[in-house]
Amino acid sequence: MSQKILLDKINVPGIKTYEVYRQNGGYASVEKALKTLTPDELVEEVKTSGLRGRGGAGFPAGMKWSFIDKKSGKPRHLVCNADESEPGTFKDRYLMEFIPHLLIEGMITSSYALGANLSYIYIRGEYMWVYKILERAINEAKAAGFLGKNILGSGYDLELYVHCGAGAYICGEETALIESLEGKRGNPRIKPPFPAISGLWSNPTVVNNVETIAAVPWIVNNSGAEYAKIGIGRSTGTKLISASGHVKNPGVYEIELGLSVYEFMNSDEYLGGMSSDRPLKAFVPGGSSVPVLPAHLIYKTAAGEDRLMSYESLSDGGFATGSMLGSGGFIVYNDTSCIVRNTWNFSRFYHHESCGQCSPCREGTGWMEKVLHRIENGHGREEDIDLLLSIQSKIEGNTICPLGDAAAWPVAAAIRHFRDEFEYHIRFPEKIKNRDHFVAEPFEKVKHLVSKEMI
């Protein structure tokens, strides 16, 4: 059994309430931090832990905290990014819904480390029931003296609010989130300046993911050095994984980073293998925005080493033969899945969610959706595959925020690893008119038709 840091107490009856959470050691990190640690010492503990941002980017949290401007004299803010909108990812919702006080405790401790007296949790608009759970938890914490003026007699003040977004994926990008929090349209800002210098209301601001902040109490209570012992290499600690698709046991799992992908996929402790006797075809390890990998690159890297659930191992080989851990949205496909249809579905999402500020993304996501729709519905042309590659290459790296990259990467990876499936759709349109064309006749059974036609 792997060590649990975030989900250890999640099944304790009544853990949503302050009383039960407190009886199970809750808010101990706040007491320890305010009574025995300076803010700078707390930042150093998080640095020592090696904790990396769990929202997808994987940037070291302690280093990010150390960038915050302390010299200007302006108020500082901590903003929790709870705008969990990445398709395939639902682990932050799980934490907030079932153990909300863990996030509140992490917000208090982290705000103290940053010298923030006014902090926010920005939650996606579709999580309204979770919003109410967090509001209740904040009120309980405040009534117990852990929020407000002079917390625990330490002289430290903190007000914490939950702000509900309006359901825009783009607001998961930190500067778009800040714009929305200020009451504006959620358009990403050009950087620099970075939020650590000029963020919310032009004040120094740190934006961290729910899971990142929820890990801070354990680090404070047990030390950064102990946290760094968990995991592998620079991928320290544990990671929440949202698992879905064709597996026996979908759900949210907390794993120690460094676990092999094979064990995660097949052991009874985790996903339990494929949901039927259909073979594994592909998987997306980190949410819809990361490259898909075919079966032969899932358990082993291109170099023949075991593929591990870590930032480094999943990206081994670059985008040619690797992917990214991302937000931990682990989506598994068996051989009845259509990669073309799946890629079109992702492109449809990114076209809809583009804020429209950057021309390459605004126009390019629309064209990718149209071309993929054409191929999937039996109207594809031979030149469409290279056209898709051309469009995605003009989006990638040419936008203010990473949404353009997130839209481009899945298309490039799908063609890179499953080009023959795209060719099959174009050359045999009559065979893919049925939406579930690969259910009765998986691609492996008909792919010889593509190679035969090319001879």
Protein backbone atom coordinates (compact mmCIF):
# COMPACT_ATOMS: atom_id res chain seq x y z
CA MET A 1 0.00 0.00 0.00
CA SER A 2 1.37 3.41 -0.93
CA GLN A 3 1.51 6.23 1.58
CA LYS A 4 -1.52 8.52 1.69
CA ILE A 5 -1.01 12.20 2.38
CA LEU A 6 -4.16 13.78 0.97
CA LEU A 7 -6.70 10.95 1.12
CA ASP A 8 -5.59 9.35 4.39
CA LYS A 9 -8.62 10.58 6.35
CA ILE A 10 -11.10 11.05 3.53
CA ASN A 11 -13.25 8.06 4.52
CA VAL A 12 -13.55 9.03 8.20
CA PRO A 13 -17.29 9.53 8.91
CA GLY A 14 -18.10 13.22 9.26
CA ILE A 15 -14.67 14.42 8.07
CA LYS A 16 -16.40 17.24 6.16
CA THR A 17 -17.20 18.95 9.46
CA TYR A 18 -14.77 21.04 11.48
CA GLU A 19 -15.29 19.02 14.66
CA VAL A 20 -14.37 15.66 13.12
CA TYR A 21 -11.56 17.13 11.03
CA ARG A 22 -10.08 18.79 14.13
CA GLN A 23 -10.35 15.57 16.16
CA ASN A 24 -8.32 13.85 13.45
CA GLY A 25 -5.41 16.27 13.64
CA GLY A 26 -6.82 19.01 11.47
CA TYR A 27 -5.37 22.55 11.59
CA ALA A 28 -2.25 21.33 13.42
CA SER A 29 -0.12 22.85 10.65
CA VAL A 30 -1.69 26.27 11.27
CA GLU A 31 -0.83 26.06 14.96
CA LYS A 32 2.71 24.91 14.25
CA ALA A 33 3.32 27.51 11.55
CA LEU A 34 1.97 30.49 13.49
CA LYS A 35 3.66 29.55 16.76
CA THR A 36 7.02 28.11 15.70
CA LEU A 37 7.86 29.13 12.13
CA THR A 38 8.52 32.39 10.35
CA PRO A 39 7.03 32.86 6.86
CA ASP A 40 10.48 32.52 5.30
CA GLU A 41 11.12 29.27 7.17
CA LEU A 42 7.82 27.93 5.88
CA VAL A 43 8.74 28.79 2.31
CA GLU A 44 12.05 26.98 2.77
CA GLU A 45 10.23 23.86 4.02
CA VAL A 46 8.11 23.79 0.86
CA LYS A 47 11.23 24.33 -1.24
CA THR A 48 12.93 21.44 0.52
CA SER A 49 9.93 19.19 -0.09
CA GLY A 50 10.29 19.49 -3.86
CA LEU A 51 6.51 19.85 -4.14
CA ARG A 52 5.61 20.70 -7.72
CA GLY A 53 2.45 22.39 -8.95
CA ARG A 54 -0.24 19.74 -9.35
CA GLY A 55 -2.39 21.71 -11.78
CA GLY A 56 -0.44 20.52 -14.80
CA ALA A 57 2.68 22.65 -15.21
CA GLY A 58 4.68 20.91 -12.48
CA PHE A 59 6.64 24.05 -11.49
CA PRO A 60 8.25 23.86 -8.00
CA ALA A 61 5.79 25.44 -5.55
CA GLY A 62 8.39 26.71 -3.06
CA MET A 63 10.34 28.43 -5.82
CA LYS A 64 7.14 30.06 -7.07
CA TRP A 65 6.44 31.33 -3.56
CA SER A 66 9.94 32.78 -3.28
CA PHE A 67 9.33 34.97 -6.33
CA ILE A 68 6.58 37.00 -4.64
CA ASP A 69 7.45 40.67 -4.32
CA LYS A 70 8.01 41.58 -0.66
CA LYS A 71 9.78 44.87 -1.24
CA SER A 72 7.00 46.97 -2.78
CA GLY A 73 4.98 47.12 0.42
CA LYS A 74 1.82 46.24 -1.50
CA PRO A 75 -0.72 43.75 -0.09
CA ARG A 76 -0.06 40.16 -1.14
CA HIS A 77 -2.59 37.52 -2.13
CA LEU A 78 -2.83 33.76 -2.46
CA VAL A 79 -5.37 32.52 -5.01
CA CYS A 80 -6.32 28.85 -5.17
CA ASN A 81 -7.06 27.68 -8.70
CA ALA A 82 -10.08 25.41 -8.27
CA ASP A 83 -11.25 25.98 -11.85
CA GLU A 84 -10.83 22.30 -12.65
CA SER A 85 -12.00 22.20 -16.27
CA GLU A 86 -9.50 19.88 -17.97
CA PRO A 87 -11.40 17.01 -19.65
CA GLY A 88 -10.54 13.79 -17.86
CA THR A 89 -9.57 15.50 -14.58
CA PHE A 90 -11.75 15.48 -11.46
CA LYS A 91 -9.39 15.02 -8.50
CA ASP A 92 -9.64 18.57 -7.10
CA ARG A 93 -13.41 18.27 -6.96
CA TYR A 94 -13.00 15.05 -4.98
CA LEU A 95 -10.79 16.75 -2.38
CA MET A 96 -13.02 19.79 -1.99
CA GLU A 97 -16.22 17.78 -1.83
CA PHE A 98 -15.16 15.17 0.71
CA ILE A 99 -12.45 16.81 2.84
CA PRO A 100 -12.88 20.59 2.38
CA HIS A 101 -11.09 21.58 5.59
CA LEU A 102 -7.82 20.17 4.22
CA LEU A 103 -7.88 22.86 1.53
CA ILE A 104 -8.90 25.56 4.02
CA GLU A 105 -6.04 24.55 6.33
CA GLY A 106 -3.61 24.61 3.42
CA MET A 107 -4.85 28.06 2.39
CA ILE A 108 -4.27 29.48 5.88
CA THR A 109 -0.79 27.99 6.24
CA SER A 110 0.25 28.97 2.71
CA SER A 111 -1.17 32.50 3.05
CA TYR A 112 0.88 32.94 6.22
CA ALA A 113 4.02 31.82 4.37
CA LEU A 114 3.37 34.45 1.68
CA GLY A 115 2.35 37.24 4.04
CA ALA A 116 -1.10 37.35 2.44
CA ASN A 117 -3.98 38.75 4.47
CA LEU A 118 -6.64 38.38 1.79
CA SER A 119 -6.89 35.13 -0.17
CA TYR A 120 -9.35 33.53 -2.56
CA ILE A 121 -10.48 30.15 -3.79
CA TYR A 122 -11.59 30.53 -7.43
CA ILE A 123 -13.91 27.62 -8.23
CA ARG A 124 -15.44 26.67 -11.57
CA GLY A 125 -19.06 27.63 -12.12
CA GLU A 126 -20.23 24.03 -12.58
CA TYR A 127 -19.10 23.14 -9.03
CA MET A 128 -21.87 25.06 -7.29
CA TRP A 129 -22.55 22.30 -4.74
CA VAL A 130 -18.84 22.21 -3.90
CA TYR A 131 -18.87 26.01 -3.58
CA LYS A 132 -21.49 25.64 -0.82
CA ILE A 133 -19.41 22.97 0.93
CA LEU A 134 -16.37 25.28 0.95
CA GLU A 135 -18.43 28.23 2.20
CA ARG A 136 -19.65 26.11 5.11
CA ALA A 137 -16.10 24.96 5.91
CA ILE A 138 -14.78 28.54 5.87
CA ASN A 139 -17.53 29.65 8.24
CA GLU A 140 -16.70 26.78 10.60
CA ALA A 141 -12.99 27.59 10.53
CA LYS A 142 -13.70 31.25 11.20
CA ALA A 143 -15.99 30.43 14.10
CA ALA A 144 -13.18 28.31 15.58
CA GLY A 145 -10.71 31.20 15.37
CA PHE A 146 -8.65 29.97 12.42
CA LEU A 147 -9.69 32.82 10.13
CA GLY A 148 -10.23 36.51 10.70
CA LYS A 149 -8.33 38.84 13.00
CA ASN A 150 -5.40 37.79 15.18
CA ILE A 151 -5.56 34.06 14.42
CA LEU A 152 -4.68 32.02 17.52
CA GLY A 153 -3.36 35.21 19.15
CA SER A 154 -0.47 35.30 16.69
CA GLY A 155 -1.15 38.77 15.32
CA TYR A 156 -1.69 37.30 11.86
CA ASP A 157 -4.94 38.23 10.07
CA LEU A 158 -6.49 36.42 7.12
CA GLU A 159 -9.78 36.72 5.29
CA LEU A 160 -10.62 33.91 2.88
CA TYR A 161 -13.36 33.97 0.24
CA VAL A 162 -14.68 31.57 -2.40
CA HIS A 163 -15.33 33.14 -5.80
CA CYS A 164 -17.42 31.24 -8.34
CA GLY A 165 -16.45 31.51 -12.00
CA ALA A 166 -18.85 31.28 -14.91
CA GLY A 167 -17.68 28.00 -16.44
CA ALA A 168 -14.83 29.13 -18.71
CA TYR A 169 -11.95 26.70 -19.24
CA ILE A 170 -9.63 29.59 -20.06
CA CYS A 171 -9.93 30.80 -16.45
CA GLY A 172 -7.81 27.84 -15.42
CA GLU A 173 -4.88 29.87 -16.79
CA GLU A 174 -3.67 31.94 -13.84
CA THR A 175 -3.78 35.40 -15.40
CA ALA A 176 -7.20 34.80 -16.99
CA LEU A 177 -8.35 33.63 -13.58
CA ILE A 178 -7.09 36.87 -12.03
CA GLU A 179 -8.87 38.92 -14.69
CA SER A 180 -12.11 37.07 -13.93
CA LEU A 181 -11.60 37.50 -10.19
CA GLU A 182 -11.32 41.24 -10.79
CA GLY A 183 -14.71 41.17 -12.54
CA LYS A 184 -13.41 41.33 -16.11
CA ARG A 185 -13.63 39.01 -19.08
CA GLY A 186 -11.33 36.03 -18.55
CA ASN A 187 -8.62 36.86 -21.08
CA PRO A 188 -5.02 35.85 -20.30
CA ARG A 189 -2.52 38.64 -19.70
CA ILE A 190 0.77 39.06 -21.49
CA LYS A 191 3.69 38.12 -19.22
CA PRO A 192 5.84 39.71 -17.86
CA PRO A 193 4.91 41.08 -15.44
CA PHE A 194 4.17 37.80 -13.73
CA PRO A 195 1.52 37.59 -11.00
CA ALA A 196 4.20 37.31 -8.31
CA ILE A 197 5.05 40.94 -9.14
CA SER A 198 1.73 42.28 -10.42
CA GLY A 199 -1.28 40.01 -10.07
CA LEU A 200 -4.65 40.54 -8.43
CA TRP A 201 -5.38 44.29 -8.44
CA SER A 202 -1.73 44.80 -9.49
CA ASN A 203 -0.61 43.34 -6.16
CA PRO A 204 1.92 40.48 -5.73
CA THR A 205 -0.03 37.24 -6.11
CA VAL A 206 0.63 33.51 -6.07
CA VAL A 207 -1.80 31.18 -7.84
CA ASN A 208 -1.65 27.49 -6.85
CA ASN A 209 -3.78 24.46 -7.62
CA VAL A 210 -6.08 22.82 -5.02
CA GLU A 211 -3.97 19.67 -4.74
CA THR A 212 -0.76 21.68 -4.35
CA ILE A 213 -2.15 23.72 -1.46
CA ALA A 214 -3.71 20.66 0.17
CA ALA A 215 -0.26 19.03 0.41
CA VAL A 216 1.20 21.92 2.45
CA PRO A 217 -0.25 20.92 5.88
CA TRP A 218 1.46 17.52 5.72
CA ILE A 219 4.75 19.16 4.76
CA VAL A 220 4.52 21.61 7.68
CA ASN A 221 3.62 18.86 10.16
CA ASN A 222 6.21 16.33 8.96
CA SER A 223 8.91 18.52 7.33
CA GLY A 224 9.86 19.10 3.73
CA ALA A 225 12.68 16.57 4.03
CA GLU A 226 10.23 13.78 4.88
CA TYR A 227 8.01 14.71 1.93
CA ALA A 228 11.04 14.64 -0.37
CA LYS A 229 11.70 11.02 0.64
CA ILE A 230 8.42 10.00 -1.00
CA GLY A 231 8.40 9.62 -4.77
CA ILE A 232 11.32 9.40 -7.14
CA GLY A 233 13.98 11.92 -8.19
CA ARG A 234 12.52 15.38 -8.77
CA SER A 235 9.01 13.90 -8.73
CA THR A 236 8.58 13.98 -4.97
CA GLY A 237 5.53 13.19 -2.87
CA THR A 238 2.20 11.76 -3.91
CA LYS A 239 -0.11 12.62 -6.79
CA LEU A 240 -3.85 12.37 -7.22
CA ILE A 241 -4.87 10.63 -10.44
CA SER A 242 -8.32 10.88 -12.01
CA ALA A 243 -8.76 7.59 -13.84
CA SER A 244 -11.48 7.01 -16.43
CA GLY A 245 -12.15 5.06 -19.59
CA HIS A 246 -12.02 1.34 -20.26
CA VAL A 247 -10.73 0.18 -16.87
CA LYS A 248 -12.35 -1.95 -14.16
CA ASN A 249 -11.92 0.56 -11.33
CA PRO A 250 -12.23 4.18 -12.49
CA GLY A 251 -11.97 6.85 -9.80
CA VAL A 252 -9.56 9.08 -7.90
CA TYR A 253 -6.35 7.50 -6.60
CA GLU A 254 -3.44 8.82 -4.58
CA ILE A 255 -0.19 7.26 -5.73
CA GLU A 256 3.42 7.70 -4.76
CA LEU A 257 5.17 9.22 -7.76
CA GLY A 258 7.43 6.61 -9.33
CA LEU A 259 4.84 3.84 -9.35
CA SER A 260 5.04 1.94 -12.63
CA VAL A 261 2.29 2.60 -15.16
CA TYR A 262 1.86 -1.17 -15.49
CA GLU A 263 1.15 -1.60 -11.78
CA PHE A 264 -1.20 1.37 -11.70
CA MET A 265 -3.09 0.02 -14.67
CA ASN A 266 -3.29 -3.63 -13.67
CA SER A 267 -3.05 -4.11 -9.90
CA ASP A 268 -6.21 -4.66 -7.88
CA GLU A 269 -5.18 -1.81 -5.57
CA TYR A 270 -5.60 0.62 -8.45
CA LEU A 271 -7.35 0.27 -11.83
CA GLY A 272 -7.57 -3.52 -11.93
CA GLY A 273 -6.83 -3.85 -15.63
CA MET A 274 -9.07 -3.39 -18.65
CA SER A 275 -12.83 -3.39 -18.09
CA SER A 276 -13.35 -6.19 -20.63
CA ASP A 277 -11.25 -8.61 -22.61
CA ARG A 278 -10.65 -5.94 -25.25
CA PRO A 279 -6.93 -5.05 -25.61
CA LEU A 280 -5.41 -1.71 -24.61
CA LYS A 281 -5.09 0.66 -27.57
CA ALA A 282 -3.97 4.02 -26.17
CA PHE A 283 -3.98 6.27 -23.14
CA VAL A 284 -3.81 9.92 -22.20
CA PRO A 285 -1.88 10.27 -18.91
CA GLY A 286 -2.49 13.90 -17.97
CA GLY A 287 -5.82 15.22 -19.23
CA SER A 288 -7.00 16.09 -22.72
CA SER A 289 -4.25 18.61 -23.44
CA VAL A 290 -1.32 16.15 -23.32
CA PRO A 291 -0.23 13.87 -26.20
CA VAL A 292 -1.89 10.48 -26.53
CA LEU A 293 0.38 7.42 -26.42
CA PRO A 294 -0.18 4.12 -28.30
CA ALA A 295 -0.12 0.75 -26.53
CA HIS A 296 3.54 -0.04 -27.23
CA LEU A 297 4.72 3.16 -25.52
CA ILE A 298 2.52 2.93 -22.43
CA TYR A 299 4.31 0.40 -20.24
CA LYS A 300 7.78 0.92 -21.72
CA THR A 301 9.62 3.97 -22.97
CA ALA A 302 11.12 3.98 -26.46
CA ALA A 303 14.44 3.15 -24.77
CA GLY A 304 12.92 0.00 -23.26
CA GLU A 305 12.75 1.21 -19.66
CA ASP A 306 9.69 0.80 -17.47
CA ARG A 307 7.33 3.76 -17.86
CA LEU A 308 6.71 5.31 -14.43
CA MET A 309 4.04 7.60 -13.07
CA SER A 310 6.39 10.57 -12.74
CA TYR A 311 6.96 13.87 -14.50
CA GLU A 312 10.25 12.70 -15.99
CA SER A 313 9.33 9.18 -17.08
CA LEU A 314 6.06 10.11 -18.78
CA SER A 315 7.84 12.82 -20.75
CA ASP A 316 10.77 10.53 -21.63
CA GLY A 317 11.41 10.74 -25.36
CA GLY A 318 9.81 14.14 -25.72
CA PHE A 319 6.62 14.39 -27.73
CA ALA A 320 7.99 11.91 -30.29
CA THR A 321 7.58 8.94 -27.92
CA GLY A 322 6.46 10.50 -24.64
CA SER A 323 3.69 12.59 -23.13
CA MET A 324 3.16 14.53 -19.86
CA LEU A 325 1.85 13.83 -16.36
CA GLY A 326 -0.10 17.09 -16.58
CA SER A 327 -3.07 17.29 -14.24
CA GLY A 328 -3.25 13.53 -13.79
CA GLY A 329 -6.33 12.97 -15.96
CA PHE A 330 -5.66 9.32 -16.85
CA ILE A 331 -7.90 8.25 -19.77
CA VAL A 332 -7.68 4.67 -21.06
CA TYR A 333 -8.91 3.46 -24.46
CA ASN A 334 -9.44 -0.09 -25.68
CA ASP A 335 -9.34 -1.17 -29.32
CA THR A 336 -12.97 -0.23 -29.98
CA SER A 337 -12.14 3.44 -29.51
CA CYS A 338 -11.79 5.72 -32.51
CA ILE A 339 -8.78 8.00 -32.19
CA VAL A 340 -10.07 10.28 -34.95
CA ARG A 341 -13.40 10.77 -33.19
CA ASN A 342 -11.67 11.29 -29.84
CA THR A 343 -9.32 13.90 -31.34
CA TRP A 344 -12.23 15.69 -33.00
CA ASN A 345 -14.06 15.73 -29.66
CA PHE A 346 -11.06 17.32 -27.93
CA SER A 347 -10.69 19.87 -30.73
CA ARG A 348 -14.37 20.74 -30.48
CA PHE A 349 -13.82 21.48 -26.78
CA TYR A 350 -10.77 23.71 -27.34
CA HIS A 351 -12.46 25.63 -30.15
CA HIS A 352 -15.43 26.30 -27.87
CA GLU A 353 -13.21 27.35 -24.94
CA SER A 354 -10.75 29.58 -26.81
CA CYS A 355 -11.10 33.14 -25.52
CA GLY A 356 -10.46 34.46 -29.04
CA GLN A 357 -7.76 36.92 -28.00
CA CYS A 358 -5.02 35.36 -30.16
CA SER A 359 -5.63 34.86 -33.88
CA PRO A 360 -3.75 31.53 -34.20
CA CYS A 361 -5.88 29.96 -31.47
CA ARG A 362 -9.17 31.66 -32.37
CA GLU A 363 -8.96 30.68 -36.04
CA GLY A 364 -6.83 27.56 -35.81
CA THR A 365 -8.93 25.67 -33.26
CA GLY A 366 -11.98 26.26 -35.45
CA TRP A 367 -10.26 24.94 -38.54
CA MET A 368 -8.94 21.86 -36.73
CA GLU A 369 -12.44 21.08 -35.52
CA LYS A 370 -13.89 21.47 -39.02
CA VAL A 371 -11.26 19.31 -40.72
CA LEU A 372 -11.49 16.58 -38.06
CA HIS A 373 -15.27 16.62 -38.28
CA ARG A 374 -14.96 16.20 -42.04
CA ILE A 375 -12.64 13.21 -41.70
CA GLU A 376 -14.71 11.55 -38.98
CA ASN A 377 -17.91 11.89 -41.00
CA GLY A 378 -16.59 10.35 -44.20
CA HIS A 379 -15.83 13.50 -46.18
CA GLY A 380 -12.08 13.65 -45.63
CA ARG A 381 -9.54 14.42 -48.33
CA GLU A 382 -6.03 13.01 -48.72
CA GLU A 383 -4.47 16.41 -48.03
CA ASP A 384 -6.43 16.90 -44.78
CA ILE A 385 -3.90 15.08 -42.60
CA ASP A 386 -1.04 17.34 -43.61
CA LEU A 387 -3.40 20.31 -43.41
CA LEU A 388 -4.09 19.45 -39.76
CA LEU A 389 -0.36 19.24 -39.05
CA SER A 390 0.15 22.61 -40.72
CA ILE A 391 -2.63 24.26 -38.71
CA GLN A 392 -1.48 22.88 -35.36
CA SER A 393 2.12 23.93 -36.03
CA LYS A 394 0.96 27.51 -36.61
CA ILE A 395 -0.93 27.52 -33.30
CA GLU A 396 1.74 25.91 -31.12
CA GLY A 397 3.98 28.46 -29.43
CA ASN A 398 2.22 31.43 -30.99
CA THR A 399 -0.35 32.34 -28.34
CA ILE A 400 -0.34 34.37 -25.12
CA CYS A 401 -1.36 31.40 -22.98
CA PRO A 402 -0.95 27.61 -23.26
CA LEU A 403 -4.51 26.93 -24.49
CA GLY A 404 -3.23 27.05 -28.06
CA ASP A 405 -0.59 24.44 -27.23
CA ALA A 406 -3.20 22.35 -25.40
CA ALA A 407 -5.32 22.31 -28.55
CA ALA A 408 -2.41 21.62 -30.92
CA TRP A 409 -0.54 18.85 -29.08
CA PRO A 410 -3.31 16.20 -29.07
CA VAL A 411 -3.85 16.61 -32.82
CA ALA A 412 -0.15 16.28 -33.62
CA ALA A 413 0.23 13.24 -31.34
CA ALA A 414 -2.85 11.50 -32.73
CA ILE A 415 -1.52 11.83 -36.28
CA ARG A 416 2.02 10.94 -35.21
CA HIS A 417 0.96 7.63 -33.66
CA PHE A 418 -2.26 6.78 -35.52
CA ARG A 419 -1.82 8.25 -39.00
CA ASP A 420 -2.98 5.04 -40.63
CA GLU A 421 -6.30 5.35 -38.77
CA PHE A 422 -6.80 8.81 -40.26
CA GLU A 423 -5.95 7.43 -43.68
CA TYR A 424 -8.49 4.63 -43.20
CA HIS A 425 -11.22 7.19 -42.47
CA ILE A 426 -10.39 9.08 -45.65
CA ARG A 427 -10.04 6.09 -47.98
CA PHE A 428 -12.95 4.01 -46.71
CA PRO A 429 -15.66 6.53 -45.81
CA GLU A 430 -18.42 3.96 -46.15
CA LYS A 431 -16.89 1.91 -43.32
CA ILE A 432 -16.89 4.70 -40.75
CA LYS A 433 -20.39 6.11 -41.29
CA ASN A 434 -21.61 4.18 -38.26
CA ARG A 435 -20.63 6.19 -35.16
CA ASP A 436 -19.40 3.00 -33.43
CA HIS A 437 -17.49 1.73 -36.44
CA PHE A 438 -14.65 0.20 -34.44
CA VAL A 439 -16.91 -1.59 -31.94
CA ALA A 440 -17.92 -4.34 -34.34
CA GLU A 441 -14.74 -4.14 -36.42
CA PRO A 442 -11.71 -2.78 -34.45
CA PHE A 443 -9.11 -0.99 -36.51
CA GLU A 444 -6.52 -3.72 -35.98
CA LYS A 445 -8.74 -6.02 -38.07
CA VAL A 446 -9.02 -3.63 -41.00
CA LYS A 447 -5.74 -1.68 -40.95
CA HIS A 448 -4.30 -4.04 -43.56
CA LEU A 449 -6.67 -2.39 -46.03
CA VAL A 450 -4.73 0.86 -45.71
CA SER A 451 -1.35 -0.72 -46.32
CA LYS A 452 -2.76 -2.86 -49.15
CA GLU A 453 -4.08 0.21 -50.95
CA MET A 454 -0.68 1.92 -50.64
CA ILE A 455 1.17 -0.94 -52.39
